[in-house]
C-alpha atoms as a PDB file:
ATOM      1  CA  MET A   1      72.148  74.360 109.346  1.00  0.00           C
ATOM      2  CA  PRO A   2      73.466  77.363 107.374  1.00  0.00           C
ATOM      3  CA  VAL A   3      75.785  76.740 104.464  1.00  0.00           C
ATOM      4  CA  PRO A   4      79.096  78.638 104.766  1.00  0.00           C
ATOM      5  CA  GLY A   5      79.328  81.702 102.539  1.00  0.00           C
ATOM      6  CA  ASN A   6      75.615  81.616 101.895  1.00  0.00           C
ATOM      7  CA  MET A   7      73.053  84.407 102.291  1.00  0.00           C
ATOM      8  CA  GLU A   8      72.898  84.860 106.048  1.00  0.00           C
ATOM      9  CA  GLY A   9      71.638  81.339 106.710  1.00  0.00           C
ATOM     10  CA  MET A  10      69.280  81.049 103.755  1.00  0.00           C
ATOM     11  CA  SER A  11      68.462  77.519 102.691  1.00  0.00           C
ATOM     12  CA  GLY A  12      70.715  77.174  99.690  1.00  0.00           C
ATOM     13  CA  PRO A  13      72.518  76.345  97.461  1.00  0.00           C
ATOM     14  CA  TYR A  14      69.619  76.181  95.040  1.00  0.00           C
ATOM     15  CA  GLN A  15      69.815  73.171  92.762  1.00  0.00           C
ATOM     16  CA  ILE A  16      69.015  73.726  89.107  1.00  0.00           C
ATOM     17  CA  ARG A  17      69.340  70.121  87.942  1.00  0.00           C
ATOM     18  CA  GLY A  18      71.679  67.298  88.887  1.00  0.00           C
ATOM     19  CA  SER A  19      74.819  68.648  90.534  1.00  0.00           C
ATOM     20  CA  VAL A  20      74.463  72.127  88.993  1.00  0.00           C
ATOM     21  CA  SER A  21      73.342  74.841  91.405  1.00  0.00           C
ATOM     22  CA  LEU A  22      73.002  78.623  91.418  1.00  0.00           C
ATOM     23  CA  PRO A  23      76.422  80.186  92.098  1.00  0.00           C
ATOM     24  CA  GLU A  24      76.173  82.605  95.024  1.00  0.00           C
ATOM     25  CA  ALA A  25      78.927  84.832  93.631  1.00  0.00           C
ATOM     26  CA  GLU A  26      76.984  85.428  90.391  1.00  0.00           C
ATOM     27  CA  LEU A  27      73.716  86.455  92.056  1.00  0.00           C
ATOM     28  CA  GLN A  28      73.035  90.153  92.430  1.00  0.00           C
ATOM     29  CA  TRP A  29      70.355  91.366  94.844  1.00  0.00           C
ATOM     30  CA  ARG A  30      68.382  94.636  94.829  1.00  0.00           C
ATOM     31  CA  PHE A  31      65.865  95.698  97.436  1.00  0.00           C
ATOM     32  CA  SER A  32      63.101  98.302  97.347  1.00  0.00           C
ATOM     33  CA  ARG A  33      59.917  99.162  99.148  1.00  0.00           C
ATOM     34  CA  SER A  34      57.106  96.795  98.405  1.00  0.00           C
ATOM     35  CA  SER A  35      53.566  97.877  97.664  1.00  0.00           C
ATOM     36  CA  GLY A  36      50.563  96.401  99.442  1.00  0.00           C
ATOM     37  CA  PRO A  37      49.645  95.851 103.091  1.00  0.00           C
ATOM     38  CA  GLY A  38      52.074  96.143 105.953  1.00  0.00           C
ATOM     39  CA  GLY A  39      51.040  99.047 108.158  1.00  0.00           C
ATOM     40  CA  GLN A  40      53.607 101.562 109.377  1.00  0.00           C
ATOM     41  CA  HIS A  41      56.419  99.046 108.920  1.00  0.00           C
ATOM     42  CA  VAL A  42      55.959  99.047 105.127  1.00  0.00           C
ATOM     43  CA  ASN A  43      57.204 102.624 104.792  1.00  0.00           C
ATOM     44  CA  THR A  44      60.571 101.849 106.355  1.00  0.00           C
ATOM     45  CA  SER A  45      61.523  98.375 105.131  1.00  0.00           C
ATOM     46  CA  ASP A  46      62.849  97.351 101.730  1.00  0.00           C
ATOM     47  CA  SER A  47      61.028  94.049 101.498  1.00  0.00           C
ATOM     48  CA  ARG A  48      60.638  93.738  97.700  1.00  0.00           C
ATOM     49  CA  VAL A  49      63.472  91.713  96.202  1.00  0.00           C
ATOM     50  CA  GLU A  50      64.944  91.691  92.707  1.00  0.00           C
ATOM     51  CA  LEU A  51      67.367  88.913  91.928  1.00  0.00           C
ATOM     52  CA  LEU A  52      69.589  89.431  88.888  1.00  0.00           C
ATOM     53  CA  PHE A  53      71.534  86.635  87.232  1.00  0.00           C
ATOM     54  CA  ASP A  54      73.847  87.293  84.270  1.00  0.00           C
ATOM     55  CA  LEU A  55      72.946  84.295  82.126  1.00  0.00           C
ATOM     56  CA  ALA A  56      75.124  85.359  79.194  1.00  0.00           C
ATOM     57  CA  ALA A  57      78.304  85.606  81.304  1.00  0.00           C
ATOM     58  CA  THR A  58      77.793  82.723  83.738  1.00  0.00           C
ATOM     59  CA  ARG A  59      80.328  79.918  84.031  1.00  0.00           C
ATOM     60  CA  ALA A  60      78.147  77.807  86.315  1.00  0.00           C
ATOM     61  CA  LEU A  61      76.068  76.261  83.530  1.00  0.00           C
ATOM     62  CA  PRO A  62      77.371  73.838  80.901  1.00  0.00           C
ATOM     63  CA  GLU A  63      77.596  75.495  77.460  1.00  0.00           C
ATOM     64  CA  VAL A  64      74.760  73.384  76.017  1.00  0.00           C
ATOM     65  CA  TRP A  65      72.440  74.370  78.878  1.00  0.00           C
ATOM     66  CA  LYS A  66      73.488  78.003  78.635  1.00  0.00           C
ATOM     67  CA  ALA A  67      72.725  78.170  74.895  1.00  0.00           C
ATOM     68  CA  ARG A  68      69.366  76.456  75.459  1.00  0.00           C
ATOM     69  CA  ALA A  69      68.455  78.856  78.292  1.00  0.00           C
ATOM     70  CA  LEU A  70      69.523  81.952  76.320  1.00  0.00           C
ATOM     71  CA  GLU A  71      67.297  80.852  73.441  1.00  0.00           C
ATOM     72  CA  ARG A  72      64.269  79.938  75.559  1.00  0.00           C
ATOM     73  CA  LEU A  73      64.443  82.956  77.891  1.00  0.00           C
ATOM     74  CA  ALA A  74      65.339  85.499  75.182  1.00  0.00           C
ATOM     75  CA  SER A  75      62.127  87.493  75.755  1.00  0.00           C
ATOM     76  CA  ARG A  76      62.882  87.841  79.496  1.00  0.00           C
ATOM     77  CA  LEU A  77      66.531  88.859  79.183  1.00  0.00           C
ATOM     78  CA  VAL A  78      67.873  92.421  79.225  1.00  0.00           C
ATOM     79  CA  ASP A  79      71.468  92.463  77.931  1.00  0.00           C
ATOM     80  CA  GLY A  80      71.806  88.785  78.873  1.00  0.00           C
ATOM     81  CA  VAL A  81      70.642  89.390  82.467  1.00  0.00           C
ATOM     82  CA  LEU A  82      67.661  87.499  83.887  1.00  0.00           C
ATOM     83  CA  THR A  83      65.658  89.326  86.578  1.00  0.00           C
ATOM     84  CA  VAL A  84      63.261  87.693  89.039  1.00  0.00           C
ATOM     85  CA  ARG A  85      61.112  89.769  91.416  1.00  0.00           C
ATOM     86  CA  ALA A  86      59.383  88.730  94.620  1.00  0.00           C
ATOM     87  CA  SER A  87      57.201  90.875  96.870  1.00  0.00           C
ATOM     88  CA  GLU A  88      54.490  88.493  98.110  1.00  0.00           C
ATOM     89  CA  HIS A  89      55.766  88.358 101.677  1.00  0.00           C
ATOM     90  CA  ARG A  90      56.191  91.131 104.217  1.00  0.00           C
ATOM     91  CA  SER A  91      59.618  89.817 105.159  1.00  0.00           C
ATOM     92  CA  GLN A  92      62.630  90.546 102.954  1.00  0.00           C
ATOM     93  CA  TRP A  93      64.161  87.204 103.934  1.00  0.00           C
ATOM     94  CA  ARG A  94      61.117  85.234 102.708  1.00  0.00           C
ATOM     95  CA  ASN A  95      61.038  87.261  99.492  1.00  0.00           C
ATOM     96  CA  ARG A  96      64.723  86.426  98.957  1.00  0.00           C
ATOM     97  CA  GLU A  97      63.933  82.739  99.411  1.00  0.00           C
ATOM     98  CA  THR A  98      61.012  82.985  96.979  1.00  0.00           C
ATOM     99  CA  ALA A  99      63.072  84.814  94.337  1.00  0.00           C
ATOM    100  CA  ALA A 100      65.954  82.327  94.543  1.00  0.00           C
ATOM    101  CA  VAL A 101      63.640  79.312  94.309  1.00  0.00           C
ATOM    102  CA  ARG A 102      61.800  80.940  91.395  1.00  0.00           C
ATOM    103  CA  LEU A 103      65.072  81.624  89.549  1.00  0.00           C
ATOM    104  CA  ALA A 104      66.284  78.041  90.074  1.00  0.00           C
ATOM    105  CA  ALA A 105      62.961  76.655  88.784  1.00  0.00           C
ATOM    106  CA  LEU A 106      63.035  78.982  85.771  1.00  0.00           C
ATOM    107  CA  LEU A 107      66.578  77.903  84.883  1.00  0.00           C
ATOM    108  CA  ALA A 108      65.738  74.225  85.424  1.00  0.00           C
ATOM    109  CA  GLU A 109      62.841  74.494  82.988  1.00  0.00           C
ATOM    110  CA  ALA A 110      64.826  76.535  80.450  1.00  0.00           C
ATOM    111  CA  THR A 111      67.825  74.171  80.454  1.00  0.00           C
ATOM    112  CA  ALA A 112      65.792  70.952  80.243  1.00  0.00           C
ATOM    113  CA  PRO A 113      66.486  68.856  77.151  1.00  0.00           C
ATOM    114  CA  PRO A 114      63.877  69.087  74.411  1.00  0.00           C
ATOM    115  CA  PRO A 115      61.230  66.337  74.518  1.00  0.00           C
ATOM    116  CA  LYS A 116      61.756  63.324  72.295  1.00  0.00           C
ATOM    117  CA  PRO A 117      59.951  63.734  68.976  1.00  0.00           C
ATOM    118  CA  ARG A 118      56.640  61.906  68.812  1.00  0.00           C
ATOM    119  CA  ARG A 119      56.627  58.830  66.635  1.00  0.00           C
ATOM    120  CA  ALA A 120      53.450  58.462  64.654  1.00  0.00           C
ATOM    121  CA  THR A 121      51.748  55.146  65.338  1.00  0.00           C
ATOM    122  CA  ARG A 122      49.702  53.187  62.820  1.00  0.00           C
ATOM    123  CA  ILE A 123      46.232  51.992  63.703  1.00  0.00           C
ATOM    124  CA  PRO A 124      46.207  48.185  63.444  1.00  0.00           C
ATOM    125  CA  ARG A 125      44.337  46.920  60.401  1.00  0.00           C
ATOM    126  CA  GLY A 126      41.965  44.730  62.422  1.00  0.00           C
ATOM    127  CA  ILE A 127      40.806  47.654  64.573  1.00  0.00           C
ATOM    128  CA  ASN A 128      40.170  49.845  61.538  1.00  0.00           C
ATOM    129  CA  GLU A 129      38.236  47.068  59.775  1.00  0.00           C
ATOM    130  CA  ARG A 130      36.129  46.466  62.904  1.00  0.00           C
ATOM    131  CA  ARG A 131      35.360  50.208  63.134  1.00  0.00           C
ATOM    132  CA  LEU A 132      34.228  50.302  59.486  1.00  0.00           C
ATOM    133  CA  ARG A 133      32.175  47.119  59.944  1.00  0.00           C
ATOM    134  CA  GLU A 134      30.385  48.572  63.006  1.00  0.00           C
ATOM    135  CA  LYS A 135      29.837  51.856  61.176  1.00  0.00           C
ATOM    136  CA  LYS A 136      28.237  50.051  58.250  1.00  0.00           C
ATOM    137  CA  GLN A 137      26.039  48.019  60.621  1.00  0.00           C
ATOM    138  CA  ARG A 138      24.897  51.210  62.391  1.00  0.00           C
ATOM    139  CA  ALA A 139      24.069  52.803  59.017  1.00  0.00           C
ATOM    140  CA  GLU A 140      21.986  49.729  58.095  1.00  0.00           C
ATOM    141  CA  THR A 141      20.075  49.968  61.401  1.00  0.00           C
ATOM    142  CA  LYS A 142      19.296  53.627  60.776  1.00  0.00           C
ATOM    143  CA  ARG A 143      18.379  53.025  57.135  1.00  0.00           C
ATOM    144  CA  GLY A 144      15.917  50.371  58.293  1.00  0.00           C
ATOM    145  CA  ARG A 145      14.091  53.013  60.359  1.00  0.00           C
ATOM    146  CA  GLN A 146      13.444  55.305  57.378  1.00  0.00           C
ATOM    147  CA  GLY A 147      10.321  55.509  55.299  1.00  0.00           C
ATOM    148  CA  ARG A 148       8.025  53.592  57.578  1.00  0.00           C
ATOM    149  CA  ASP A 149       4.886  54.895  59.129  1.00  0.00           C
ATOM    150  CA  TRP A 150       5.299  53.982  62.793  1.00  0.00           C
ATOM    151  CA  GLY A 151       2.276  55.782  64.026  1.00  0.00           C
END
């Protein structure tokens, strides 16, 4: 069932994380001719999709998430705008779906909280002593094989 005010019945809104989703009003679409197979149809249809999202100016993301995303996606941004392209499919509609899903996944990953720092664990004393004991025993076994004429 299409969501009102959504892209001509596309399956949205696209969740980023929790209750936060991509705001339709802040998405900008551009279409161009896609390269690759498609026969005569390919010369007349603008099936390649570029989805632009102004990350620096958005109000849809909480400030903490926005700062995190701006830092993590800095290499992909042009003047604070994130661009996602899709041209795998011959249909513009499917490319739009792909681009929107890709953008939502990218933002979800970029806004995720940093992992908890790893706490160094100590090896229990008994295990370390057993390892050294077995190592010494192995060395004794090998030393016992030296210097003998077995043949």
